Protein backbone atom coordinates (compact mmCIF):
# COMPACT_ATOMS: atom_id res chain seq x y z
CA MET A 1 174.25 -88.17 135.77
CA MET A 2 174.51 -85.63 132.71
CA ASN A 3 174.07 -81.89 133.00
CA GLY A 4 171.28 -80.12 131.00
CA GLY A 5 173.43 -79.28 128.27
CA GLN A 6 174.75 -82.40 127.49
CA ASP A 7 171.25 -83.86 127.69
CA ALA A 8 169.91 -81.43 125.39
CA LEU A 9 172.88 -82.07 122.98
CA LEU A 10 172.10 -85.81 123.22
CA ILE A 11 168.38 -85.31 122.42
CA VAL A 12 169.30 -83.26 119.31
CA LEU A 13 171.74 -85.64 118.03
CA VAL A 14 169.28 -88.70 118.49
CA LEU A 15 166.44 -86.62 116.73
CA SER A 16 168.79 -85.83 113.98
CA ILE A 17 169.67 -89.27 113.46
CA TRP A 18 166.24 -90.58 113.32
CA SER A 19 165.13 -87.78 110.97
CA LEU A 20 168.02 -88.81 108.64
CA ALA A 21 166.92 -92.24 108.89
CA VAL A 22 163.26 -91.21 107.98
CA ALA A 23 164.30 -89.13 105.14
CA ALA A 24 166.45 -92.04 103.66
CA ALA A 25 163.55 -94.32 103.99
CA VAL A 26 161.25 -91.77 102.19
CA ALA A 27 163.54 -91.16 99.40
CA LEU A 28 164.17 -94.88 99.00
CA GLY A 29 160.48 -95.57 98.74
CA VAL A 30 160.13 -92.69 96.20
CA HIS A 31 162.87 -94.03 93.98
CA LEU A 32 161.50 -97.60 93.94
CA ILE A 33 157.99 -96.46 93.10
CA ARG A 34 159.48 -94.25 90.45
CA SER A 35 161.71 -96.82 89.02
CA ARG A 36 158.76 -99.30 88.61
CA ARG A 37 156.71 -97.05 86.64
CA PRO A 38 156.49 -98.11 83.13
CA ALA A 39 158.30 -95.74 80.42
CA ALA A 40 156.13 -93.80 78.36
CA ARG A 41 156.05 -94.72 74.66
CA PRO A 42 156.37 -92.00 72.22
CA MET A 43 153.28 -91.46 69.91
CA PRO A 44 153.68 -92.56 66.26
CA SER A 45 153.81 -89.65 63.74
CA PRO A 46 150.85 -89.09 61.21
CA LEU A 47 153.00 -90.10 58.50
CA GLY A 48 154.41 -93.25 60.39
CA ILE A 49 150.66 -94.33 60.69
CA LEU A 50 149.79 -93.78 57.09
CA GLU A 51 152.93 -95.73 56.25
CA ARG A 52 151.80 -98.58 58.43
CA ARG A 53 148.21 -98.62 56.99
CA TYR A 54 149.82 -98.59 53.48
CA ALA A 55 152.30 -101.43 54.20
CA MET A 56 149.44 -103.56 55.81
CA GLY A 57 147.32 -103.21 52.80
CA GLU A 58 144.59 -101.18 54.41
CA ILE A 59 144.65 -98.30 51.96
CA ASP A 60 146.04 -98.37 48.12
CA ARG A 61 148.52 -96.32 46.54
CA GLU A 62 146.30 -93.55 45.59
CA GLN A 63 144.82 -93.12 48.90
CA PHE A 64 148.34 -93.00 50.33
CA ASP A 65 149.83 -90.38 48.05
CA ASP A 66 146.59 -88.33 48.49
CA ALA A 67 146.87 -88.52 52.28
CA ARG A 68 150.71 -87.75 52.51
CA ALA A 69 149.91 -84.70 50.01
CA ARG A 70 147.54 -83.27 52.70
CA LEU A 71 149.97 -84.18 55.61
CA ARG A 72 152.59 -82.20 53.82
CA GLU A 73 150.28 -79.34 53.17
CA HIS A 74 149.70 -79.46 56.80
CA GLU A 75 153.16 -79.30 57.87
CA LEU A 76 153.76 -76.03 55.69
CA ASP A 77 150.64 -74.30 57.72
CA LEU A 78 152.73 -74.53 61.03
């Protein structure tokens, strides 16, 4: 039989190994969950939206120029 000091050392060793195994499983789970999350798409800029609307024919040239001028005025205010 082992003495008390060796028993305590064995218990600490086994608990340490189990703790590391649990921590590794949690870290792996967190990594898998985060890697499956879709990447956030950047928001289109106001000018990009305006250009797309003009390209699709939703607005005419005059409306485009007017809106672009207002966007530029707003940029100067910042």
